[in-house]
Amino acid sequence: MRDHLTLTTRELDVDSLSRAIPILQAVGGHPSMADWLRFLNERDRSANGDRPRCGILAVDDSKGYVLGLFCYRMVEDALRGRTLECENFTVPDLVRSNLPFESLIDDAERLAQLYEIGRAHV
C-alpha cells in the first residue's frame, strides 16, 4: 500500500502552518511556533514578485496530512554563487515509504529551476 501514496506539495503559510505541527516538532533544535511564524513573516517581506526568497515546502498525502517538509532560502554564496539552501529537511520514519523523501528532493530541484539557480544545497 505504501507505493500507492498520492502526494501533493504545497507552500506553507501562516494559516496552514498549524497542519504541520507534528512534523515541525521533530526538527532539531526545537524551534517554537513563534520562530516558525517569524520565518514565514520574513518570507512575506522578502517576496520578489511572485517568488518569495524563503519559505517552507511540505508534502501532503491525499487526506491532507503533512508527511514531510523543508525550509528553503535563496542565498548568494561566494563559493557556490546563487544557491537554494534547503534545511530542516524532515520526513518522519513512521511514514514507511521513501516517496515523501524523494518527492521533497525533486521539489527542491524544481524550486532551484524556478529560481533559475543551478543548484539546491540540501
N, C-alpha and C. Protein backbone atom coordinates (compact mmCIF):
# COMPACT_ATOMS: atom_id res chain seq x y z
N MET A 1 0.80 -1.20 0.00
CA MET A 1 0.00 0.00 0.00
C MET A 1 0.85 1.27 0.00
N ARG A 2 2.02 1.20 0.57
CA ARG A 2 2.84 2.41 0.66
C ARG A 2 3.28 2.93 -0.70
N ASP A 3 3.31 2.08 -1.72
CA ASP A 3 3.69 2.54 -3.04
C ASP A 3 2.56 3.29 -3.74
N HIS A 4 1.36 3.33 -3.12
CA HIS A 4 0.20 3.95 -3.74
C HIS A 4 -0.12 5.31 -3.12
N LEU A 5 0.84 5.91 -2.45
CA LEU A 5 0.62 7.23 -1.87
C LEU A 5 0.40 8.26 -2.97
N THR A 6 -0.58 9.10 -2.78
CA THR A 6 -0.79 10.24 -3.66
C THR A 6 -0.31 11.46 -2.89
N LEU A 7 0.71 12.12 -3.42
CA LEU A 7 1.35 13.22 -2.71
C LEU A 7 1.10 14.54 -3.42
N THR A 8 0.99 15.58 -2.61
CA THR A 8 0.84 16.94 -3.11
C THR A 8 1.84 17.81 -2.37
N THR A 9 2.54 18.65 -3.11
CA THR A 9 3.47 19.59 -2.50
C THR A 9 2.80 20.94 -2.39
N ARG A 10 2.95 21.57 -1.24
CA ARG A 10 2.41 22.91 -1.07
C ARG A 10 3.35 23.78 -0.24
N GLU A 11 3.25 25.04 -0.52
CA GLU A 11 3.98 26.05 0.24
C GLU A 11 3.16 26.33 1.50
N LEU A 12 3.77 26.21 2.66
CA LEU A 12 3.06 26.53 3.90
C LEU A 12 3.03 28.03 4.10
N ASP A 13 1.94 28.51 4.64
CA ASP A 13 1.85 29.92 5.01
C ASP A 13 1.38 29.99 6.47
N VAL A 14 1.16 31.18 6.95
CA VAL A 14 0.79 31.36 8.35
C VAL A 14 -0.48 30.58 8.67
N ASP A 15 -1.43 30.55 7.76
CA ASP A 15 -2.70 29.87 8.00
C ASP A 15 -2.58 28.35 7.98
N SER A 16 -1.69 27.82 7.17
CA SER A 16 -1.58 26.36 7.04
C SER A 16 -0.48 25.76 7.91
N LEU A 17 0.29 26.60 8.59
CA LEU A 17 1.41 26.12 9.39
C LEU A 17 0.97 25.14 10.49
N SER A 18 -0.18 25.37 11.08
CA SER A 18 -0.63 24.51 12.19
C SER A 18 -0.82 23.06 11.76
N ARG A 19 -1.10 22.80 10.47
CA ARG A 19 -1.24 21.42 9.98
C ARG A 19 0.07 20.66 10.08
N ALA A 20 1.18 21.37 10.14
CA ALA A 20 2.49 20.74 10.13
C ALA A 20 3.11 20.63 11.52
N ILE A 21 2.38 20.98 12.56
CA ILE A 21 2.96 20.99 13.91
C ILE A 21 3.64 19.67 14.28
N PRO A 22 3.04 18.50 14.03
CA PRO A 22 3.74 17.26 14.41
C PRO A 22 5.11 17.11 13.73
N ILE A 23 5.21 17.52 12.48
CA ILE A 23 6.48 17.43 11.76
C ILE A 23 7.43 18.51 12.26
N LEU A 24 6.92 19.72 12.48
CA LEU A 24 7.77 20.81 12.96
C LEU A 24 8.40 20.48 14.31
N GLN A 25 7.68 19.75 15.15
CA GLN A 25 8.20 19.39 16.46
C GLN A 25 9.37 18.41 16.36
N ALA A 26 9.50 17.73 15.23
CA ALA A 26 10.60 16.78 15.04
C ALA A 26 11.89 17.44 14.58
N VAL A 27 11.82 18.72 14.20
CA VAL A 27 13.00 19.43 13.71
C VAL A 27 13.98 19.65 14.85
N GLY A 28 15.25 19.35 14.61
CA GLY A 28 16.29 19.55 15.62
C GLY A 28 16.36 20.99 16.09
N GLY A 29 16.73 21.17 17.34
CA GLY A 29 16.82 22.50 17.91
C GLY A 29 15.49 22.97 18.47
N HIS A 30 14.42 22.31 18.10
CA HIS A 30 13.08 22.56 18.61
C HIS A 30 12.68 24.03 18.57
N PRO A 31 12.63 24.61 17.36
CA PRO A 31 12.16 25.99 17.28
C PRO A 31 10.71 26.08 17.77
N SER A 32 10.36 27.21 18.34
CA SER A 32 9.00 27.42 18.82
C SER A 32 8.09 27.79 17.65
N MET A 33 6.79 27.76 17.90
CA MET A 33 5.84 28.18 16.88
C MET A 33 6.08 29.63 16.50
N ALA A 34 6.47 30.46 17.48
CA ALA A 34 6.79 31.86 17.19
C ALA A 34 7.97 31.97 16.24
N ASP A 35 8.96 31.08 16.38
CA ASP A 35 10.11 31.06 15.46
C ASP A 35 9.66 30.74 14.04
N TRP A 36 8.77 29.73 13.91
CA TRP A 36 8.28 29.35 12.58
C TRP A 36 7.48 30.50 11.96
N LEU A 37 6.64 31.13 12.76
CA LEU A 37 5.83 32.24 12.25
C LEU A 37 6.72 33.41 11.83
N ARG A 38 7.78 33.66 12.59
CA ARG A 38 8.73 34.72 12.24
C ARG A 38 9.39 34.41 10.90
N PHE A 39 9.76 33.14 10.70
CA PHE A 39 10.37 32.74 9.42
C PHE A 39 9.40 32.97 8.27
N LEU A 40 8.13 32.60 8.45
CA LEU A 40 7.14 32.80 7.39
C LEU A 40 6.87 34.28 7.15
N ASN A 41 6.88 35.08 8.19
CA ASN A 41 6.70 36.52 8.01
C ASN A 41 7.88 37.11 7.25
N GLU A 42 9.09 36.58 7.47
CA GLU A 42 10.27 37.01 6.71
C GLU A 42 10.05 36.69 5.24
N ARG A 43 9.46 35.52 4.99
CA ARG A 43 9.17 35.12 3.61
C ARG A 43 8.28 36.14 2.94
N ASP A 44 7.26 36.58 3.66
CA ASP A 44 6.34 37.55 3.08
C ASP A 44 7.03 38.88 2.80
N ARG A 45 7.95 39.28 3.66
CA ARG A 45 8.64 40.55 3.46
C ARG A 45 9.69 40.47 2.37
N SER A 46 10.22 39.26 2.11
CA SER A 46 11.31 39.15 1.14
C SER A 46 10.82 38.77 -0.24
N ALA A 47 9.52 38.75 -0.46
CA ALA A 47 8.98 38.33 -1.75
C ALA A 47 9.51 39.24 -2.87
N ASN A 48 9.88 38.58 -3.96
CA ASN A 48 10.37 39.28 -5.14
C ASN A 48 9.40 38.94 -6.27
N GLY A 49 8.47 39.84 -6.53
CA GLY A 49 7.43 39.50 -7.49
C GLY A 49 6.55 38.42 -6.88
N ASP A 50 6.39 37.30 -7.57
CA ASP A 50 5.57 36.22 -7.03
C ASP A 50 6.42 35.11 -6.44
N ARG A 51 7.72 35.31 -6.31
CA ARG A 51 8.62 34.28 -5.77
C ARG A 51 9.25 34.74 -4.46
N PRO A 52 8.84 34.15 -3.35
CA PRO A 52 9.50 34.50 -2.09
C PRO A 52 10.93 33.98 -2.07
N ARG A 53 11.81 34.67 -1.37
CA ARG A 53 13.21 34.26 -1.28
C ARG A 53 13.40 33.16 -0.25
N CYS A 54 12.38 32.88 0.55
CA CYS A 54 12.46 31.80 1.52
C CYS A 54 11.04 31.31 1.81
N GLY A 55 10.96 30.12 2.39
CA GLY A 55 9.65 29.57 2.72
C GLY A 55 9.77 28.15 3.25
N ILE A 56 8.62 27.51 3.38
CA ILE A 56 8.55 26.12 3.84
C ILE A 56 7.72 25.34 2.85
N LEU A 57 8.30 24.31 2.27
CA LEU A 57 7.57 23.41 1.38
C LEU A 57 7.22 22.14 2.15
N ALA A 58 5.99 21.68 2.00
CA ALA A 58 5.54 20.46 2.66
C ALA A 58 4.94 19.52 1.63
N VAL A 59 5.03 18.24 1.93
CA VAL A 59 4.40 17.23 1.08
C VAL A 59 3.28 16.60 1.91
N ASP A 60 2.08 16.55 1.32
CA ASP A 60 0.88 16.02 1.99
C ASP A 60 0.44 14.74 1.31
N ASP A 61 -0.26 13.90 2.07
CA ASP A 61 -0.91 12.75 1.45
C ASP A 61 -2.30 13.17 0.97
N SER A 62 -3.06 12.24 0.43
CA SER A 62 -4.37 12.56 -0.15
C SER A 62 -5.38 13.02 0.89
N LYS A 63 -5.13 12.76 2.17
CA LYS A 63 -6.04 13.21 3.23
C LYS A 63 -5.63 14.56 3.81
N GLY A 64 -4.52 15.12 3.31
CA GLY A 64 -4.06 16.42 3.79
C GLY A 64 -3.10 16.38 4.95
N TYR A 65 -2.64 15.17 5.32
CA TYR A 65 -1.66 15.06 6.41
C TYR A 65 -0.27 15.40 5.88
N VAL A 66 0.45 16.23 6.60
CA VAL A 66 1.80 16.60 6.22
C VAL A 66 2.73 15.43 6.54
N LEU A 67 3.43 14.93 5.52
CA LEU A 67 4.32 13.78 5.67
C LEU A 67 5.79 14.18 5.75
N GLY A 68 6.10 15.40 5.39
CA GLY A 68 7.48 15.87 5.43
C GLY A 68 7.54 17.32 4.97
N LEU A 69 8.68 17.94 5.24
CA LEU A 69 8.83 19.34 4.85
C LEU A 69 10.30 19.73 4.85
N PHE A 70 10.57 20.88 4.27
CA PHE A 70 11.88 21.53 4.41
C PHE A 70 11.69 23.03 4.29
N CYS A 71 12.63 23.75 4.88
CA CYS A 71 12.69 25.20 4.76
C CYS A 71 13.69 25.52 3.66
N TYR A 72 13.43 26.57 2.93
CA TYR A 72 14.38 26.97 1.88
C TYR A 72 14.63 28.46 1.95
N ARG A 73 15.77 28.82 1.41
CA ARG A 73 16.18 30.22 1.32
C ARG A 73 17.12 30.37 0.14
N MET A 74 16.89 31.39 -0.67
CA MET A 74 17.78 31.69 -1.78
C MET A 74 18.87 32.59 -1.24
N VAL A 75 20.13 32.17 -1.41
CA VAL A 75 21.26 32.93 -0.89
C VAL A 75 22.30 33.15 -1.98
N GLU A 76 23.08 34.17 -1.79
CA GLU A 76 24.25 34.42 -2.62
C GLU A 76 25.45 33.90 -1.85
N ASP A 77 26.15 32.95 -2.42
CA ASP A 77 27.28 32.31 -1.76
C ASP A 77 28.53 32.61 -2.57
N ALA A 78 29.58 33.09 -1.92
CA ALA A 78 30.82 33.44 -2.62
C ALA A 78 31.43 32.23 -3.32
N LEU A 79 31.30 31.06 -2.73
CA LEU A 79 31.87 29.85 -3.30
C LEU A 79 30.99 29.22 -4.37
N ARG A 80 29.68 29.16 -4.09
CA ARG A 80 28.75 28.43 -4.97
C ARG A 80 27.90 29.33 -5.84
N GLY A 81 27.96 30.64 -5.66
CA GLY A 81 27.08 31.54 -6.41
C GLY A 81 25.67 31.50 -5.82
N ARG A 82 24.69 31.81 -6.67
CA ARG A 82 23.30 31.75 -6.20
C ARG A 82 22.94 30.31 -5.90
N THR A 83 22.46 30.08 -4.69
CA THR A 83 22.18 28.73 -4.22
C THR A 83 20.85 28.73 -3.48
N LEU A 84 20.10 27.66 -3.67
CA LEU A 84 18.90 27.45 -2.88
C LEU A 84 19.27 26.54 -1.72
N GLU A 85 19.32 27.11 -0.52
CA GLU A 85 19.65 26.32 0.67
C GLU A 85 18.37 25.71 1.22
N CYS A 86 18.39 24.40 1.42
CA CYS A 86 17.26 23.68 1.98
C CYS A 86 17.71 23.08 3.31
N GLU A 87 17.01 23.41 4.37
CA GLU A 87 17.38 22.91 5.69
C GLU A 87 16.13 22.48 6.44
N ASN A 88 16.34 21.93 7.63
CA ASN A 88 15.25 21.38 8.43
C ASN A 88 14.45 20.37 7.62
N PHE A 89 15.15 19.62 6.79
CA PHE A 89 14.54 18.59 5.94
C PHE A 89 14.08 17.46 6.85
N THR A 90 12.76 17.28 6.97
CA THR A 90 12.22 16.35 7.95
C THR A 90 11.14 15.47 7.34
N VAL A 91 11.37 14.16 7.37
CA VAL A 91 10.37 13.16 7.00
C VAL A 91 10.43 12.08 8.07
N PRO A 92 9.42 11.99 8.92
CA PRO A 92 9.46 11.01 10.00
C PRO A 92 9.50 9.57 9.47
N ASP A 93 10.14 8.70 10.22
CA ASP A 93 10.23 7.29 9.85
C ASP A 93 8.87 6.60 9.82
N LEU A 94 7.90 7.13 10.54
CA LEU A 94 6.62 6.45 10.63
C LEU A 94 5.86 6.39 9.31
N VAL A 95 6.29 7.15 8.32
CA VAL A 95 5.61 7.14 7.02
C VAL A 95 5.82 5.80 6.32
N ARG A 96 6.94 5.16 6.55
CA ARG A 96 7.25 3.84 5.98
C ARG A 96 7.22 3.81 4.45
N SER A 97 7.69 4.88 3.87
CA SER A 97 7.79 4.97 2.42
C SER A 97 8.88 5.98 2.10
N ASN A 98 9.58 5.74 1.01
CA ASN A 98 10.57 6.71 0.54
C ASN A 98 9.95 7.80 -0.32
N LEU A 99 8.70 7.64 -0.70
CA LEU A 99 8.07 8.59 -1.62
C LEU A 99 8.05 10.03 -1.10
N PRO A 100 7.69 10.29 0.16
CA PRO A 100 7.73 11.69 0.61
C PRO A 100 9.14 12.29 0.54
N PHE A 101 10.14 11.52 0.93
CA PHE A 101 11.53 11.98 0.87
C PHE A 101 11.93 12.27 -0.58
N GLU A 102 11.65 11.32 -1.46
CA GLU A 102 12.00 11.50 -2.87
C GLU A 102 11.26 12.68 -3.49
N SER A 103 10.00 12.84 -3.10
CA SER A 103 9.21 13.97 -3.61
C SER A 103 9.81 15.30 -3.18
N LEU A 104 10.22 15.39 -1.92
CA LEU A 104 10.81 16.64 -1.43
C LEU A 104 12.15 16.95 -2.12
N ILE A 105 12.95 15.92 -2.37
CA ILE A 105 14.21 16.13 -3.11
C ILE A 105 13.90 16.68 -4.51
N ASP A 106 12.93 16.05 -5.19
CA ASP A 106 12.52 16.53 -6.51
C ASP A 106 11.99 17.96 -6.45
N ASP A 107 11.24 18.26 -5.39
CA ASP A 107 10.69 19.61 -5.23
C ASP A 107 11.79 20.64 -5.04
N ALA A 108 12.84 20.29 -4.30
CA ALA A 108 13.97 21.21 -4.11
C ALA A 108 14.63 21.49 -5.46
N GLU A 109 14.79 20.45 -6.28
CA GLU A 109 15.40 20.66 -7.59
C GLU A 109 14.51 21.52 -8.49
N ARG A 110 13.20 21.29 -8.45
CA ARG A 110 12.27 22.10 -9.25
C ARG A 110 12.27 23.55 -8.79
N LEU A 111 12.33 23.76 -7.48
CA LEU A 111 12.37 25.11 -6.94
C LEU A 111 13.63 25.84 -7.39
N ALA A 112 14.76 25.15 -7.39
CA ALA A 112 16.00 25.75 -7.88
C ALA A 112 15.86 26.14 -9.36
N GLN A 113 15.22 25.31 -10.14
CA GLN A 113 15.00 25.64 -11.55
C GLN A 113 14.07 26.84 -11.70
N LEU A 114 13.04 26.91 -10.87
CA LEU A 114 12.11 28.04 -10.90
C LEU A 114 12.84 29.35 -10.63
N TYR A 115 13.78 29.31 -9.69
CA TYR A 115 14.57 30.49 -9.33
C TYR A 115 15.73 30.70 -10.31
N GLU A 116 15.84 29.81 -11.27
CA GLU A 116 16.94 29.86 -12.25
C GLU A 116 18.29 29.80 -11.56
N ILE A 117 18.36 28.89 -10.58
CA ILE A 117 19.58 28.64 -9.82
C ILE A 117 20.08 27.28 -10.24
N GLY A 118 21.35 27.15 -10.41
CA GLY A 118 21.92 25.89 -10.86
C GLY A 118 21.90 24.77 -9.85
N ARG A 119 21.72 25.09 -8.57
CA ARG A 119 21.83 24.02 -7.58
C ARG A 119 20.97 24.29 -6.35
N ALA A 120 20.57 23.17 -5.75
CA ALA A 120 19.93 23.22 -4.44
C ALA A 120 20.88 22.52 -3.48
N HIS A 121 21.12 23.14 -2.36
CA HIS A 121 22.01 22.56 -1.34
C HIS A 121 21.13 22.06 -0.20
N VAL A 122 21.05 20.71 -0.08
CA VAL A 122 20.18 20.11 0.93
C VAL A 122 21.05 19.62 2.08
